[in-house]
Amino acid sequence: MAATTIKIQPGTAATLRKLGEKGMTYDEIINELVFAYLAFVDKLYQRVNEPIVGRPLEEIMDELESNTPPRRRR
């Protein structure tokens, strides 16, 4: 596959270098970020679709803010 060129700000390039490991290309770093983002969004969608009926809103908000696994209803 032919490579393309994209313009990014110097600060963005520096951030990408910090996020990657030695020897990684920008392409590899960007792909890792994209896949991590997609996994994160998928997890959010899964949490949104969980039943929350009967639970206090404060409990749900605390759970989301603390990143703890959701409590399952029985």
N, C-alpha and C. Protein backbone atom coordinates (compact mmCIF):
# COMPACT_ATOMS: atom_id res chain seq x y z
N MET A 1 0.84 -1.17 0.00
CA MET A 1 0.00 0.00 0.00
C MET A 1 0.89 1.24 0.00
N ALA A 2 0.52 2.19 -0.82
CA ALA A 2 1.30 3.42 -0.90
C ALA A 2 1.05 4.29 0.33
N ALA A 3 2.09 4.90 0.78
CA ALA A 3 1.97 5.80 1.93
C ALA A 3 1.48 7.16 1.47
N THR A 4 0.80 7.86 2.35
CA THR A 4 0.35 9.23 2.06
C THR A 4 0.97 10.15 3.09
N THR A 5 0.88 11.41 2.83
CA THR A 5 1.40 12.41 3.75
C THR A 5 0.23 13.20 4.33
N ILE A 6 0.26 13.38 5.65
CA ILE A 6 -0.74 14.22 6.30
C ILE A 6 0.01 15.30 7.08
N LYS A 7 -0.57 16.48 7.12
CA LYS A 7 0.05 17.58 7.85
C LYS A 7 -0.48 17.58 9.27
N ILE A 8 0.44 17.63 10.22
CA ILE A 8 0.09 17.76 11.64
C ILE A 8 0.98 18.83 12.25
N GLN A 9 0.50 19.39 13.33
CA GLN A 9 1.27 20.41 14.03
C GLN A 9 2.46 19.76 14.74
N PRO A 10 3.54 20.51 14.93
CA PRO A 10 4.71 19.95 15.63
C PRO A 10 4.36 19.39 17.02
N GLY A 11 3.44 20.04 17.71
CA GLY A 11 3.05 19.56 19.03
C GLY A 11 2.35 18.20 18.95
N THR A 12 1.56 18.01 17.90
CA THR A 12 0.89 16.72 17.70
C THR A 12 1.91 15.64 17.43
N ALA A 13 2.90 15.95 16.62
CA ALA A 13 3.96 14.98 16.33
C ALA A 13 4.71 14.61 17.61
N ALA A 14 4.97 15.60 18.44
CA ALA A 14 5.66 15.34 19.71
C ALA A 14 4.82 14.45 20.61
N THR A 15 3.51 14.71 20.65
CA THR A 15 2.62 13.88 21.47
C THR A 15 2.61 12.45 20.96
N LEU A 16 2.53 12.27 19.65
CA LEU A 16 2.55 10.93 19.08
C LEU A 16 3.85 10.20 19.43
N ARG A 17 4.97 10.91 19.35
CA ARG A 17 6.25 10.28 19.70
C ARG A 17 6.25 9.82 21.16
N LYS A 18 5.66 10.63 22.05
CA LYS A 18 5.61 10.28 23.47
C LYS A 18 4.70 9.07 23.71
N LEU A 19 3.63 8.97 22.93
CA LEU A 19 2.69 7.86 23.10
C LEU A 19 3.23 6.54 22.58
N GLY A 20 4.09 6.62 21.57
CA GLY A 20 4.63 5.40 20.97
C GLY A 20 5.83 4.88 21.72
N GLU A 21 6.24 3.71 21.32
CA GLU A 21 7.45 3.10 21.88
C GLU A 21 8.56 3.24 20.86
N LYS A 22 9.79 3.07 21.29
CA LYS A 22 10.94 3.22 20.41
C LYS A 22 10.78 2.29 19.21
N GLY A 23 10.98 2.85 18.05
CA GLY A 23 10.93 2.07 16.82
C GLY A 23 9.55 2.04 16.16
N MET A 24 8.52 2.55 16.84
CA MET A 24 7.19 2.56 16.24
C MET A 24 7.06 3.69 15.23
N THR A 25 6.34 3.42 14.17
CA THR A 25 6.06 4.46 13.19
C THR A 25 4.83 5.25 13.64
N TYR A 26 4.65 6.44 13.04
CA TYR A 26 3.45 7.20 13.33
C TYR A 26 2.21 6.39 12.96
N ASP A 27 2.28 5.66 11.86
CA ASP A 27 1.16 4.84 11.42
C ASP A 27 0.78 3.81 12.50
N GLU A 28 1.76 3.16 13.08
CA GLU A 28 1.49 2.17 14.14
C GLU A 28 0.88 2.84 15.37
N ILE A 29 1.42 3.99 15.74
CA ILE A 29 0.91 4.71 16.92
C ILE A 29 -0.54 5.14 16.68
N ILE A 30 -0.80 5.71 15.51
CA ILE A 30 -2.16 6.17 15.20
C ILE A 30 -3.12 4.99 15.18
N ASN A 31 -2.73 3.87 14.60
CA ASN A 31 -3.60 2.69 14.58
C ASN A 31 -3.90 2.20 15.99
N GLU A 32 -2.91 2.18 16.86
CA GLU A 32 -3.15 1.77 18.25
C GLU A 32 -4.15 2.71 18.92
N LEU A 33 -4.00 4.00 18.69
CA LEU A 33 -4.91 4.98 19.28
C LEU A 33 -6.33 4.79 18.75
N VAL A 34 -6.46 4.56 17.45
CA VAL A 34 -7.79 4.38 16.86
C VAL A 34 -8.46 3.13 17.43
N PHE A 35 -7.73 2.03 17.50
CA PHE A 35 -8.32 0.79 18.02
C PHE A 35 -8.66 0.92 19.50
N ALA A 36 -7.83 1.62 20.26
CA ALA A 36 -8.14 1.84 21.68
C ALA A 36 -9.39 2.70 21.82
N TYR A 37 -9.51 3.71 20.99
CA TYR A 37 -10.70 4.57 21.01
C TYR A 37 -11.94 3.77 20.66
N LEU A 38 -11.86 2.95 19.63
CA LEU A 38 -13.02 2.15 19.22
C LEU A 38 -13.43 1.17 20.32
N ALA A 39 -12.45 0.58 21.00
CA ALA A 39 -12.76 -0.34 22.10
C ALA A 39 -13.43 0.43 23.24
N PHE A 40 -12.95 1.64 23.51
CA PHE A 40 -13.54 2.47 24.56
C PHE A 40 -14.99 2.82 24.22
N VAL A 41 -15.24 3.22 22.99
CA VAL A 41 -16.59 3.57 22.57
C VAL A 41 -17.50 2.35 22.64
N ASP A 42 -16.99 1.19 22.24
CA ASP A 42 -17.78 -0.04 22.32
C ASP A 42 -18.16 -0.34 23.77
N LYS A 43 -17.21 -0.15 24.68
CA LYS A 43 -17.48 -0.38 26.10
C LYS A 43 -18.55 0.59 26.62
N LEU A 44 -18.48 1.84 26.18
CA LEU A 44 -19.50 2.81 26.58
C LEU A 44 -20.88 2.38 26.09
N TYR A 45 -20.96 1.96 24.84
CA TYR A 45 -22.25 1.52 24.30
C TYR A 45 -22.79 0.33 25.08
N GLN A 46 -21.89 -0.59 25.47
CA GLN A 46 -22.32 -1.74 26.26
C GLN A 46 -22.88 -1.29 27.60
N ARG A 47 -22.23 -0.32 28.22
CA ARG A 47 -22.70 0.16 29.53
C ARG A 47 -24.02 0.89 29.41
N VAL A 48 -24.20 1.63 28.34
CA VAL A 48 -25.44 2.36 28.14
C VAL A 48 -26.61 1.39 27.99
N ASN A 49 -26.36 0.26 27.39
CA ASN A 49 -27.43 -0.70 27.13
C ASN A 49 -27.73 -1.62 28.32
N GLU A 50 -27.01 -1.47 29.41
CA GLU A 50 -27.28 -2.28 30.59
C GLU A 50 -28.52 -1.76 31.31
N PRO A 51 -29.32 -2.65 31.84
CA PRO A 51 -30.51 -2.18 32.56
C PRO A 51 -30.11 -1.44 33.84
N ILE A 52 -30.73 -0.29 34.06
CA ILE A 52 -30.42 0.48 35.26
C ILE A 52 -31.69 0.83 36.02
N VAL A 53 -32.81 0.27 35.63
CA VAL A 53 -34.09 0.57 36.26
C VAL A 53 -34.02 0.22 37.74
N GLY A 54 -34.48 1.11 38.57
CA GLY A 54 -34.53 0.85 39.99
C GLY A 54 -33.27 1.24 40.74
N ARG A 55 -32.27 1.74 40.06
CA ARG A 55 -31.04 2.16 40.73
C ARG A 55 -31.02 3.68 40.85
N PRO A 56 -30.56 4.19 41.97
CA PRO A 56 -30.50 5.64 42.12
C PRO A 56 -29.51 6.26 41.13
N LEU A 57 -29.85 7.41 40.58
CA LEU A 57 -29.00 8.10 39.62
C LEU A 57 -27.62 8.38 40.21
N GLU A 58 -27.57 8.75 41.48
CA GLU A 58 -26.28 9.06 42.12
C GLU A 58 -25.35 7.85 42.09
N GLU A 59 -25.91 6.65 42.31
CA GLU A 59 -25.10 5.43 42.29
C GLU A 59 -24.53 5.20 40.90
N ILE A 60 -25.34 5.41 39.89
CA ILE A 60 -24.90 5.21 38.52
C ILE A 60 -23.81 6.21 38.17
N MET A 61 -24.00 7.47 38.53
CA MET A 61 -23.02 8.51 38.24
C MET A 61 -21.70 8.25 38.97
N ASP A 62 -21.77 7.83 40.22
CA ASP A 62 -20.56 7.49 40.98
C ASP A 62 -19.79 6.37 40.29
N GLU A 63 -20.51 5.37 39.82
CA GLU A 63 -19.92 4.24 39.13
C GLU A 63 -19.18 4.70 37.87
N LEU A 64 -19.84 5.54 37.09
CA LEU A 64 -19.24 6.02 35.85
C LEU A 64 -18.00 6.86 36.13
N GLU A 65 -18.06 7.71 37.15
CA GLU A 65 -16.93 8.57 37.47
C GLU A 65 -15.75 7.80 38.04
N SER A 66 -16.01 6.71 38.76
CA SER A 66 -14.92 5.96 39.38
C SER A 66 -14.38 4.86 38.48
N ASN A 67 -15.01 4.64 37.32
CA ASN A 67 -14.58 3.60 36.38
C ASN A 67 -14.65 2.20 36.97
N THR A 68 -15.51 1.99 37.94
CA THR A 68 -15.67 0.65 38.50
C THR A 68 -16.64 -0.14 37.64
N PRO A 69 -16.50 -1.45 37.63
CA PRO A 69 -17.44 -2.24 36.84
C PRO A 69 -18.87 -2.05 37.35
N PRO A 70 -19.84 -2.05 36.44
CA PRO A 70 -21.21 -1.84 36.87
C PRO A 70 -21.73 -2.97 37.74
N ARG A 71 -22.56 -2.61 38.72
CA ARG A 71 -23.18 -3.60 39.58
C ARG A 71 -24.32 -4.22 38.80
N ARG A 72 -24.36 -5.54 38.77
CA ARG A 72 -25.39 -6.25 38.03
C ARG A 72 -26.65 -6.42 38.87
N ARG A 73 -27.78 -6.24 38.24
CA ARG A 73 -29.05 -6.50 38.92
C ARG A 73 -29.33 -7.97 38.90
N ARG A 74 -29.97 -8.46 39.92
CA ARG A 74 -30.31 -9.89 39.97
C ARG A 74 -31.78 -10.09 39.87
